[in-house]
Every structure is written in C-alpha cells, then in structure tokens.
C-alpha cells in the first residue's frame, strides 16, 4: 500500500450477524472508537443485525473494524463489509437509534 492509500479517507459499512444485540455491542463499539480517529455510527437493525459505518483513513478504519471483530468474535457469525469514498458527514462516532 502506498502512502496515499493510507491517508485517503474511506467509508466502511459493516453489517454484523449473529448474537450481536443485547450483548453491549453498540456501547462497546462506541467505546472502542475512541482509540481511533474515526467518525460514524453503530445501530441495531430490525432484523437482529448491527450496522456499523465508520469513516477515517484506511489504516484507522481497518484497525477499528478489526478490533470490533476480535472483541465480539464469539458473537459474530457473519460480517458483510463494503468500502466507499468518505462523505465527511459525521462529526464523531456515536450510537444511532433507528
């Protein structure tokens, strides 16, 4: 990876499946986000999954998502992830309520 790829802002959308609601997923994810320079949100979905949207440099977002996945490895059965250009619409990282 070149330096530009490490510093360009990206947006990653993750949909976590498994036993991810009722286990402190949103609160723990928000707490983990403070270790990284990321913005976005985490939200419970009606189908029982959890959606995470994070923006930042590729390196920061990647480390953050990996941290979430390691923290909840026993609860997550599937993660669908999609990368897009960042929109810079978020001021911070927080829990979003649907």
PDB file of N, CA and C in Angstrom:
ATOM      1  N   UNK A   1       0.841  -1.179   0.000  1.00  0.00           N
ATOM      2  CA  UNK A   1       0.000   0.000   0.000  1.00  0.00           C
ATOM      3  C   UNK A   1       0.885   1.241   0.000  1.00  0.00           C
ATOM      4  N   UNK A   2       0.563   2.202  -0.833  1.00  0.00           N
ATOM      5  CA  UNK A   2       1.354   3.431  -0.857  1.00  0.00           C
ATOM      6  C   UNK A   2       0.842   4.415   0.190  1.00  0.00           C
ATOM      7  N   UNK A   3       1.565   5.514   0.403  1.00  0.00           N
ATOM      8  CA  UNK A   3       1.192   6.483   1.429  1.00  0.00           C
ATOM      9  C   UNK A   3      -0.176   7.103   1.165  1.00  0.00           C
ATOM     10  N   UNK A   4      -0.531   7.340  -0.113  1.00  0.00           N
ATOM     11  CA  UNK A   4      -1.830   7.925  -0.426  1.00  0.00           C
ATOM     12  C   UNK A   4      -2.966   7.025   0.038  1.00  0.00           C
ATOM     13  N   UNK A   5      -2.834   5.736  -0.152  1.00  0.00           N
ATOM     14  CA  UNK A   5      -3.885   4.796   0.257  1.00  0.00           C
ATOM     15  C   UNK A   5      -4.053   4.796   1.768  1.00  0.00           C
ATOM     16  N   UNK A   6      -2.986   5.027   2.499  1.00  0.00           N
ATOM     17  CA  UNK A   6      -3.052   5.018   3.962  1.00  0.00           C
ATOM     18  C   UNK A   6      -3.685   6.291   4.519  1.00  0.00           C
ATOM     19  N   UNK A   7      -3.620   7.404   3.762  1.00  0.00           N
ATOM     20  CA  UNK A   7      -4.110   8.670   4.295  1.00  0.00           C
ATOM     21  C   UNK A   7      -5.438   9.118   3.682  1.00  0.00           C
ATOM     22  N   UNK A   8      -5.844   8.564   2.562  1.00  0.00           N
ATOM     23  CA  UNK A   8      -7.133   8.924   1.981  1.00  0.00           C
ATOM     24  C   UNK A   8      -8.255   8.451   2.875  1.00  0.00           C
ATOM     25  N   UNK A   9      -9.279   9.286   3.003  1.00  0.00           N
ATOM     26  CA  UNK A   9     -10.426   8.942   3.838  1.00  0.00           C
ATOM     27  C   UNK A   9     -11.330   7.957   3.099  1.00  0.00           C
ATOM     28  N   UNK A  10     -11.781   6.945   3.836  1.00  0.00           N
ATOM     29  CA  UNK A  10     -12.717   5.964   3.288  1.00  0.00           C
ATOM     30  C   UNK A  10     -13.928   5.856   4.208  1.00  0.00           C
ATOM     31  N   UNK A  11     -14.951   5.208   3.705  1.00  0.00           N
ATOM     32  CA  UNK A  11     -16.152   4.900   4.476  1.00  0.00           C
ATOM     33  C   UNK A  11     -16.347   3.390   4.383  1.00  0.00           C
ATOM     34  N   UNK A  12     -16.433   2.744   5.516  1.00  0.00           N
ATOM     35  CA  UNK A  12     -16.697   1.313   5.558  1.00  0.00           C
ATOM     36  C   UNK A  12     -18.046   1.078   6.212  1.00  0.00           C
ATOM     37  N   UNK A  13     -18.883   0.306   5.529  1.00  0.00           N
ATOM     38  CA  UNK A  13     -20.182  -0.091   6.066  1.00  0.00           C
ATOM     39  C   UNK A  13     -20.116  -1.582   6.373  1.00  0.00           C
ATOM     40  N   UNK A  14     -20.396  -1.953   7.615  1.00  0.00           N
ATOM     41  CA  UNK A  14     -20.374  -3.350   8.033  1.00  0.00           C
ATOM     42  C   UNK A  14     -21.746  -3.737   8.557  1.00  0.00           C
ATOM     43  N   UNK A  15     -22.172  -4.933   8.220  1.00  0.00           N
ATOM     44  CA  UNK A  15     -23.419  -5.494   8.775  1.00  0.00           C
ATOM     45  C   UNK A  15     -23.030  -6.779   9.486  1.00  0.00           C
ATOM     46  N   UNK A  16     -23.140  -6.761  10.811  1.00  0.00           N
ATOM     47  CA  UNK A  16     -22.774  -7.905  11.641  1.00  0.00           C
ATOM     48  C   UNK A  16     -24.006  -8.745  11.940  1.00  0.00           C
ATOM     49  N   UNK A  17     -23.880 -10.045  11.722  1.00  0.00           N
ATOM     50  CA  UNK A  17     -24.937 -11.001  12.039  1.00  0.00           C
ATOM     51  C   UNK A  17     -24.458 -11.871  13.192  1.00  0.00           C
ATOM     52  N   UNK A  18     -25.397 -12.463  13.886  1.00  0.00           N
ATOM     53  CA  UNK A  18     -25.080 -13.361  14.991  1.00  0.00           C
ATOM     54  C   UNK A  18     -25.828 -12.933  16.233  1.00  0.00           C
ATOM     55  N   UNK A  19     -25.241 -13.213  17.393  1.00  0.00           N
ATOM     56  CA  UNK A  19     -25.839 -12.777  18.655  1.00  0.00           C
ATOM     57  C   UNK A  19     -25.198 -11.430  18.993  1.00  0.00           C
ATOM     58  N   UNK A  20     -25.609 -10.403  18.256  1.00  0.00           N
ATOM     59  CA  UNK A  20     -24.965  -9.098  18.346  1.00  0.00           C
ATOM     60  C   UNK A  20     -25.846  -8.020  18.985  1.00  0.00           C
ATOM     61  N   UNK A  21     -27.070  -8.370  19.312  1.00  0.00           N
ATOM     62  CA  UNK A  21     -27.921  -7.431  20.046  1.00  0.00           C
ATOM     63  C   UNK A  21     -28.123  -7.969  21.452  1.00  0.00           C
ATOM     64  N   UNK A  22     -28.175  -7.057  22.416  1.00  0.00           N
ATOM     65  CA  UNK A  22     -28.355  -7.460  23.805  1.00  0.00           C
ATOM     66  C   UNK A  22     -27.081  -7.931  24.483  1.00  0.00           C
ATOM     67  N   UNK A  23     -25.939  -7.656  23.870  1.00  0.00           N
ATOM     68  CA  UNK A  23     -24.651  -8.073  24.442  1.00  0.00           C
ATOM     69  C   UNK A  23     -23.701  -6.883  24.647  1.00  0.00           C
ATOM     70  N   UNK A  24     -24.222  -5.662  24.574  1.00  0.00           N
ATOM     71  CA  UNK A  24     -23.387  -4.474  24.744  1.00  0.00           C
ATOM     72  C   UNK A  24     -22.584  -4.103  23.514  1.00  0.00           C
ATOM     73  N   UNK A  25     -22.989  -4.600  22.354  1.00  0.00           N
ATOM     74  CA  UNK A  25     -22.243  -4.386  21.113  1.00  0.00           C
ATOM     75  C   UNK A  25     -22.103  -2.894  20.794  1.00  0.00           C
ATOM     76  N   UNK A  26     -23.210  -2.167  20.817  1.00  0.00           N
ATOM     77  CA  UNK A  26     -23.166  -0.749  20.435  1.00  0.00           C
ATOM     78  C   UNK A  26     -22.326   0.073  21.407  1.00  0.00           C
ATOM     79  N   UNK A  27     -22.497  -0.167  22.708  1.00  0.00           N
ATOM     80  CA  UNK A  27     -21.773   0.616  23.701  1.00  0.00           C
ATOM     81  C   UNK A  27     -20.279   0.292  23.681  1.00  0.00           C
ATOM     82  N   UNK A  28     -19.949  -0.983  23.544  1.00  0.00           N
ATOM     83  CA  UNK A  28     -18.546  -1.374  23.469  1.00  0.00           C
ATOM     84  C   UNK A  28     -17.898  -0.837  22.198  1.00  0.00           C
ATOM     85  N   UNK A  29     -18.608  -0.901  21.078  1.00  0.00           N
ATOM     86  CA  UNK A  29     -18.085  -0.385  19.815  1.00  0.00           C
ATOM     87  C   UNK A  29     -17.827   1.112  19.907  1.00  0.00           C
ATOM     88  N   UNK A  30     -18.748   1.839  20.523  1.00  0.00           N
ATOM     89  CA  UNK A  30     -18.562   3.280  20.704  1.00  0.00           C
ATOM     90  C   UNK A  30     -17.346   3.554  21.582  1.00  0.00           C
ATOM     91  N   UNK A  31     -17.170   2.766  22.624  1.00  0.00           N
ATOM     92  CA  UNK A  31     -16.003   2.913  23.490  1.00  0.00           C
ATOM     93  C   UNK A  31     -14.715   2.609  22.719  1.00  0.00           C
ATOM     94  N   UNK A  32     -14.712   1.531  21.927  1.00  0.00           N
ATOM     95  CA  UNK A  32     -13.541   1.191  21.117  1.00  0.00           C
ATOM     96  C   UNK A  32     -13.203   2.294  20.122  1.00  0.00           C
ATOM     97  N   UNK A  33     -14.216   2.963  19.597  1.00  0.00           N
ATOM     98  CA  UNK A  33     -13.989   4.002  18.574  1.00  0.00           C
ATOM     99  C   UNK A  33     -13.109   5.133  19.097  1.00  0.00           C
ATOM    100  N   UNK A  34     -13.095   5.328  20.395  1.00  0.00           N
ATOM    101  CA  UNK A  34     -12.312   6.423  20.988  1.00  0.00           C
ATOM    102  C   UNK A  34     -10.809   6.201  20.867  1.00  0.00           C
ATOM    103  N   UNK A  35     -10.408   4.949  20.597  1.00  0.00           N
ATOM    104  CA  UNK A  35      -8.986   4.638  20.424  1.00  0.00           C
ATOM    105  C   UNK A  35      -8.495   4.970  19.013  1.00  0.00           C
ATOM    106  N   UNK A  36      -9.414   5.301  18.126  1.00  0.00           N
ATOM    107  CA  UNK A  36      -9.078   5.502  16.714  1.00  0.00           C
ATOM    108  C   UNK A  36      -9.616   6.841  16.229  1.00  0.00           C
ATOM    109  N   UNK A  37      -9.030   7.337  15.164  1.00  0.00           N
ATOM    110  CA  UNK A  37      -9.513   8.574  14.561  1.00  0.00           C
ATOM    111  C   UNK A  37     -10.555   8.213  13.514  1.00  0.00           C
ATOM    112  N   UNK A  38     -11.762   7.896  13.999  1.00  0.00           N
ATOM    113  CA  UNK A  38     -12.864   7.517  13.125  1.00  0.00           C
ATOM    114  C   UNK A  38     -14.120   8.282  13.536  1.00  0.00           C
ATOM    115  N   UNK A  39     -15.013   8.443  12.567  1.00  0.00           N
ATOM    116  CA  UNK A  39     -16.327   9.007  12.815  1.00  0.00           C
ATOM    117  C   UNK A  39     -17.354   8.046  12.239  1.00  0.00           C
ATOM    118  N   UNK A  40     -18.619   8.220  12.609  1.00  0.00           N
ATOM    119  CA  UNK A  40     -19.673   7.375  12.065  1.00  0.00           C
ATOM    120  C   UNK A  40     -20.659   6.976  13.131  1.00  0.00           C
ATOM    121  N   UNK A  41     -21.203   5.761  12.985  1.00  0.00           N
ATOM    122  CA  UNK A  41     -22.215   5.300  13.931  1.00  0.00           C
ATOM    123  C   UNK A  41     -22.294   3.776  13.970  1.00  0.00           C
ATOM    124  N   UNK A  42     -22.973   3.294  15.008  1.00  0.00           N
ATOM    125  CA  UNK A  42     -23.329   1.893  15.147  1.00  0.00           C
ATOM    126  C   UNK A  42     -24.811   1.876  15.523  1.00  0.00           C
ATOM    127  N   UNK A  43     -25.562   0.915  14.942  1.00  0.00           N
ATOM    128  CA  UNK A  43     -27.011   0.920  15.108  1.00  0.00           C
ATOM    129  C   UNK A  43     -27.573  -0.497  15.047  1.00  0.00           C
ATOM    130  N   UNK A  44     -28.512  -0.804  15.951  1.00  0.00           N
ATOM    131  CA  UNK A  44     -29.250  -2.061  15.858  1.00  0.00           C
ATOM    132  C   UNK A  44     -30.213  -1.989  14.688  1.00  0.00           C
ATOM    133  N   UNK A  45     -30.373  -3.097  13.972  1.00  0.00           N
ATOM    134  CA  UNK A  45     -31.303  -3.178  12.848  1.00  0.00           C
ATOM    135  C   UNK A  45     -32.476  -4.085  13.234  1.00  0.00           C
ATOM    136  N   UNK A  46     -33.599  -3.881  12.579  1.00  0.00           N
ATOM    137  CA  UNK A  46     -34.819  -4.619  12.896  1.00  0.00           C
ATOM    138  C   UNK A  46     -34.664  -6.127  12.699  1.00  0.00           C
ATOM    139  N   UNK A  47     -33.770  -6.549  11.821  1.00  0.00           N
ATOM    140  CA  UNK A  47     -33.597  -7.984  11.547  1.00  0.00           C
ATOM    141  C   UNK A  47     -32.675  -8.682  12.556  1.00  0.00           C
ATOM    142  N   UNK A  48     -32.237  -7.970  13.593  1.00  0.00           N
ATOM    143  CA  UNK A  48     -31.370  -8.558  14.611  1.00  0.00           C
ATOM    144  C   UNK A  48     -29.886  -8.353  14.361  1.00  0.00           C
ATOM    145  N   UNK A  49     -29.539  -7.762  13.241  1.00  0.00           N
ATOM    146  CA  UNK A  49     -28.136  -7.478  12.938  1.00  0.00           C
ATOM    147  C   UNK A  49     -27.754  -6.109  13.506  1.00  0.00           C
ATOM    148  N   UNK A  50     -26.476  -5.778  13.391  1.00  0.00           N
ATOM    149  CA  UNK A  50     -25.980  -4.469  13.800  1.00  0.00           C
ATOM    150  C   UNK A  50     -25.226  -3.869  12.623  1.00  0.00           C
ATOM    151  N   UNK A  51     -25.513  -2.595  12.336  1.00  0.00           N
ATOM    152  CA  UNK A  51     -24.838  -1.867  11.264  1.00  0.00           C
ATOM    153  C   UNK A  51     -23.804  -0.930  11.874  1.00  0.00           C
ATOM    154  N   UNK A  52     -22.611  -0.945  11.291  1.00  0.00           N
ATOM    155  CA  UNK A  52     -21.544  -0.048  11.696  1.00  0.00           C
ATOM    156  C   UNK A  52     -21.083   0.704  10.455  1.00  0.00           C
ATOM    157  N   UNK A  53     -21.024   2.008  10.550  1.00  0.00           N
ATOM    158  CA  UNK A  53     -20.490   2.846   9.474  1.00  0.00           C
ATOM    159  C   UNK A  53     -19.360   3.664  10.079  1.00  0.00           C
ATOM    160  N   UNK A  54     -18.165   3.540   9.503  1.00  0.00           N
ATOM    161  CA  UNK A  54     -17.001   4.251  10.020  1.00  0.00           C
ATOM    162  C   UNK A  54     -16.269   4.948   8.887  1.00  0.00           C
ATOM    163  N   UNK A  55     -15.841   6.174   9.172  1.00  0.00           N
ATOM    164  CA  UNK A  55     -15.038   6.943   8.216  1.00  0.00           C
ATOM    165  C   UNK A  55     -13.737   7.356   8.872  1.00  0.00           C
ATOM    166  N   UNK A  56     -12.694   7.399   8.062  1.00  0.00           N
ATOM    167  CA  UNK A  56     -11.368   7.803   8.501  1.00  0.00           C
ATOM    168  C   UNK A  56     -10.368   7.315   7.474  1.00  0.00           C
ATOM    169  N   UNK A  57      -9.101   7.342   7.827  1.00  0.00           N
ATOM    170  CA  UNK A  57      -8.100   6.795   6.909  1.00  0.00           C
ATOM    171  C   UNK A  57      -8.288   5.286   6.838  1.00  0.00           C
ATOM    172  N   UNK A  58      -7.804   4.687   5.767  1.00  0.00           N
ATOM    173  CA  UNK A  58      -7.927   3.240   5.621  1.00  0.00           C
ATOM    174  C   UNK A  58      -7.311   2.543   6.827  1.00  0.00           C
ATOM    175  N   UNK A  59      -6.150   3.001   7.268  1.00  0.00           N
ATOM    176  CA  UNK A  59      -5.455   2.360   8.380  1.00  0.00           C
ATOM    177  C   UNK A  59      -6.272   2.426   9.667  1.00  0.00           C
ATOM    178  N   UNK A  60      -6.818   3.592   9.994  1.00  0.00           N
ATOM    179  CA  UNK A  60      -7.588   3.743  11.228  1.00  0.00           C
ATOM    180  C   UNK A  60      -8.887   2.945  11.185  1.00  0.00           C
ATOM    181  N   UNK A  61      -9.608   3.023  10.074  1.00  0.00           N
ATOM    182  CA  UNK A  61     -10.869   2.286   9.948  1.00  0.00           C
ATOM    183  C   UNK A  61     -10.618   0.784  10.011  1.00  0.00           C
ATOM    184  N   UNK A  62      -9.586   0.332   9.341  1.00  0.00           N
ATOM    185  CA  UNK A  62      -9.255  -1.087   9.330  1.00  0.00           C
ATOM    186  C   UNK A  62      -8.931  -1.588  10.733  1.00  0.00           C
ATOM    187  N   UNK A  63      -8.104  -0.847  11.473  1.00  0.00           N
ATOM    188  CA  UNK A  63      -7.764  -1.242  12.842  1.00  0.00           C
ATOM    189  C   UNK A  63      -9.004  -1.246  13.731  1.00  0.00           C
ATOM    190  N   UNK A  64      -9.851  -0.254  13.569  1.00  0.00           N
ATOM    191  CA  UNK A  64     -11.080  -0.159  14.367  1.00  0.00           C
ATOM    192  C   UNK A  64     -12.008  -1.344  14.106  1.00  0.00           C
ATOM    193  N   UNK A  65     -12.294  -1.623  12.841  1.00  0.00           N
ATOM    194  CA  UNK A  65     -13.186  -2.730  12.495  1.00  0.00           C
ATOM    195  C   UNK A  65     -12.598  -4.060  12.967  1.00  0.00           C
ATOM    196  N   UNK A  66     -11.295  -4.247  12.807  1.00  0.00           N
ATOM    197  CA  UNK A  66     -10.647  -5.474  13.288  1.00  0.00           C
ATOM    198  C   UNK A  66     -10.772  -5.608  14.802  1.00  0.00           C
ATOM    199  N   UNK A  67     -10.642  -4.514  15.517  1.00  0.00           N
ATOM    200  CA  UNK A  67     -10.789  -4.513  16.969  1.00  0.00           C
ATOM    201  C   UNK A  67     -12.211  -4.934  17.360  1.00  0.00           C
ATOM    202  N   UNK A  68     -13.208  -4.381  16.690  1.00  0.00           N
ATOM    203  CA  UNK A  68     -14.604  -4.752  16.953  1.00  0.00           C
ATOM    204  C   UNK A  68     -14.797  -6.247  16.686  1.00  0.00           C
ATOM    205  N   UNK A  69     -14.289  -6.713  15.561  1.00  0.00           N
ATOM    206  CA  UNK A  69     -14.464  -8.121  15.189  1.00  0.00           C
ATOM    207  C   UNK A  69     -13.767  -9.058  16.185  1.00  0.00           C
ATOM    208  N   UNK A  70     -12.600  -8.680  16.663  1.00  0.00           N
ATOM    209  CA  UNK A  70     -11.907  -9.511  17.650  1.00  0.00           C
ATOM    210  C   UNK A  70     -12.638  -9.493  18.992  1.00  0.00           C
ATOM    211  N   UNK A  71     -13.118  -8.319  19.389  1.00  0.00           N
ATOM    212  CA  UNK A  71     -13.818  -8.190  20.660  1.00  0.00           C
ATOM    213  C   UNK A  71     -15.082  -9.046  20.693  1.00  0.00           C
ATOM    214  N   UNK A  72     -15.794  -9.118  19.574  1.00  0.00           N
ATOM    215  CA  UNK A  72     -17.061  -9.843  19.511  1.00  0.00           C
ATOM    216  C   UNK A  72     -16.979 -11.106  18.654  1.00  0.00           C
ATOM    217  N   UNK A  73     -15.789 -11.681  18.561  1.00  0.00           N
ATOM    218  CA  UNK A  73     -15.581 -12.859  17.707  1.00  0.00           C
ATOM    219  C   UNK A  73     -16.541 -14.001  18.041  1.00  0.00           C
ATOM    220  N   UNK A  74     -16.874 -14.180  19.311  1.00  0.00           N
ATOM    221  CA  UNK A  74     -17.761 -15.280  19.714  1.00  0.00           C
ATOM    222  C   UNK A  74     -19.225 -14.997  19.371  1.00  0.00           C
ATOM    223  N   UNK A  75     -19.588 -13.732  19.207  1.00  0.00           N
ATOM    224  CA  UNK A  75     -20.975 -13.369  18.915  1.00  0.00           C
ATOM    225  C   UNK A  75     -21.243 -13.205  17.418  1.00  0.00           C
ATOM    226  N   UNK A  76     -20.232 -12.844  16.638  1.00  0.00           N
ATOM    227  CA  UNK A  76     -20.410 -12.565  15.212  1.00  0.00           C
ATOM    228  C   UNK A  76     -20.337 -13.865  14.416  1.00  0.00           C
ATOM    229  N   UNK A  77     -21.368 -14.123  13.616  1.00  0.00           N
ATOM    230  CA  UNK A  77     -21.351 -15.299  12.737  1.00  0.00           C
ATOM    231  C   UNK A  77     -21.091 -14.907  11.287  1.00  0.00           C
ATOM    232  N   UNK A  78     -21.329 -13.631  10.950  1.00  0.00           N
ATOM    233  CA  UNK A  78     -21.108 -13.167   9.581  1.00  0.00           C
ATOM    234  C   UNK A  78     -20.920 -11.660   9.606  1.00  0.00           C
ATOM    235  N   UNK A  79     -20.077 -11.164   8.715  1.00  0.00           N
ATOM    236  CA  UNK A  79     -19.887  -9.720   8.562  1.00  0.00           C
ATOM    237  C   UNK A  79     -19.799  -9.404   7.086  1.00  0.00           C
ATOM    238  N   UNK A  80     -20.731  -8.605   6.610  1.00  0.00           N
ATOM    239  CA  UNK A  80     -20.678  -8.107   5.230  1.00  0.00           C
ATOM    240  C   UNK A  80     -20.125  -6.697   5.284  1.00  0.00           C
ATOM    241  N   UNK A  81     -19.080  -6.467   4.505  1.00  0.00           N
ATOM    242  CA  UNK A  81     -18.375  -5.193   4.562  1.00  0.00           C
ATOM    243  C   UNK A  81     -18.282  -4.595   3.171  1.00  0.00           C
ATOM    244  N   UNK A  82     -18.492  -3.281   3.096  1.00  0.00           N
ATOM    245  CA  UNK A  82     -18.456  -2.561   1.834  1.00  0.00           C
ATOM    246  C   UNK A  82     -17.689  -1.257   2.040  1.00  0.00           C
ATOM    247  N   UNK A  83     -16.715  -0.993   1.184  1.00  0.00           N
ATOM    248  CA  UNK A  83     -15.956   0.255   1.267  1.00  0.00           C
ATOM    249  C   UNK A  83     -16.402   1.215   0.180  1.00  0.00           C
ATOM    250  N   UNK A  84     -16.475   2.493   0.545  1.00  0.00           N
ATOM    251  CA  UNK A  84     -16.875   3.564  -0.355  1.00  0.00           C
ATOM    252  C   UNK A  84     -16.031   4.794  -0.048  1.00  0.00           C
ATOM    253  N   UNK A  85     -16.084   5.809  -0.887  1.00  0.00           N
ATOM    254  CA  UNK A  85     -15.412   7.061  -0.537  1.00  0.00           C
ATOM    255  C   UNK A  85     -16.095   7.700   0.675  1.00  0.00           C
ATOM    256  N   UNK A  86     -15.322   8.357   1.497  1.00  0.00           N
ATOM    257  CA  UNK A  86     -15.872   9.035   2.671  1.00  0.00           C
ATOM    258  C   UNK A  86     -16.756  10.201   2.257  1.00  0.00           C
ATOM    259  N   UNK A  87     -17.777  10.470   3.073  1.00  0.00           N
ATOM    260  CA  UNK A  87     -18.673  11.600   2.822  1.00  0.00           C
ATOM    261  C   UNK A  87     -18.385  12.772   3.751  1.00  0.00           C
ATOM    262  N   UNK A  88     -17.644  12.525   4.812  1.00  0.00           N
ATOM    263  CA  UNK A  88     -17.307  13.536   5.828  1.00  0.00           C
ATOM    264  C   UNK A  88     -18.549  14.141   6.477  1.00  0.00           C
ATOM    265  N   UNK A  89     -19.622  13.353   6.563  1.00  0.00           N
ATOM    266  CA  UNK A  89     -20.869  13.872   7.130  1.00  0.00           C
ATOM    267  C   UNK A  89     -20.953  13.737   8.651  1.00  0.00           C
ATOM    268  N   UNK A  90     -20.014  13.019   9.269  1.00  0.00           N
ATOM    269  CA  UNK A  90     -20.088  12.772  10.710  1.00  0.00           C
ATOM    270  C   UNK A  90     -19.084  13.631  11.468  1.00  0.00           C
ATOM    271  N   UNK A  91     -19.507  14.127  12.625  1.00  0.00           N
ATOM    272  CA  UNK A  91     -18.621  14.915  13.471  1.00  0.00           C
ATOM    273  C   UNK A  91     -17.903  14.045  14.485  1.00  0.00           C
ATOM    274  N   UNK A  92     -18.491  12.885  14.808  1.00  0.00           N
ATOM    275  CA  UNK A  92     -17.926  11.994  15.810  1.00  0.00           C
ATOM    276  C   UNK A  92     -18.450  10.579  15.554  1.00  0.00           C
ATOM    277  N   UNK A  93     -18.198   9.673  16.492  1.00  0.00           N
ATOM    278  CA  UNK A  93     -18.737   8.318  16.382  1.00  0.00           C
ATOM    279  C   UNK A  93     -19.726   8.136  17.519  1.00  0.00           C
ATOM    280  N   UNK A  94     -20.934   7.661  17.191  1.00  0.00           N
ATOM    281  CA  UNK A  94     -21.950   7.531  18.231  1.00  0.00           C
ATOM    282  C   UNK A  94     -22.940   6.425  17.905  1.00  0.00           C
ATOM    283  N   UNK A  95     -23.779   6.123  18.881  1.00  0.00           N
ATOM    284  CA  UNK A  95     -24.866   5.173  18.678  1.00  0.00           C
ATOM    285  C   UNK A  95     -25.987   5.912  17.970  1.00  0.00           C
ATOM    286  N   UNK A  96     -26.511   5.277  16.935  1.00  0.00           N
ATOM    287  CA  UNK A  96     -27.662   5.832  16.215  1.00  0.00           C
ATOM    288  C   UNK A  96     -28.867   4.937  16.532  1.00  0.00           C
ATOM    289  N   UNK A  97     -29.989   5.573  16.751  1.00  0.00           N
ATOM    290  CA  UNK A  97     -31.224   4.839  17.013  1.00  0.00           C
ATOM    291  C   UNK A  97     -32.101   4.925  15.772  1.00  0.00           C
ATOM    292  N   UNK A  98     -32.609   3.773  15.346  1.00  0.00           N
ATOM    293  CA  UNK A  98     -33.401   3.737  14.104  1.00  0.00           C
ATOM    294  C   UNK A  98     -34.753   4.380  14.265  1.00  0.00           C
TER     295      UNK A  98
END
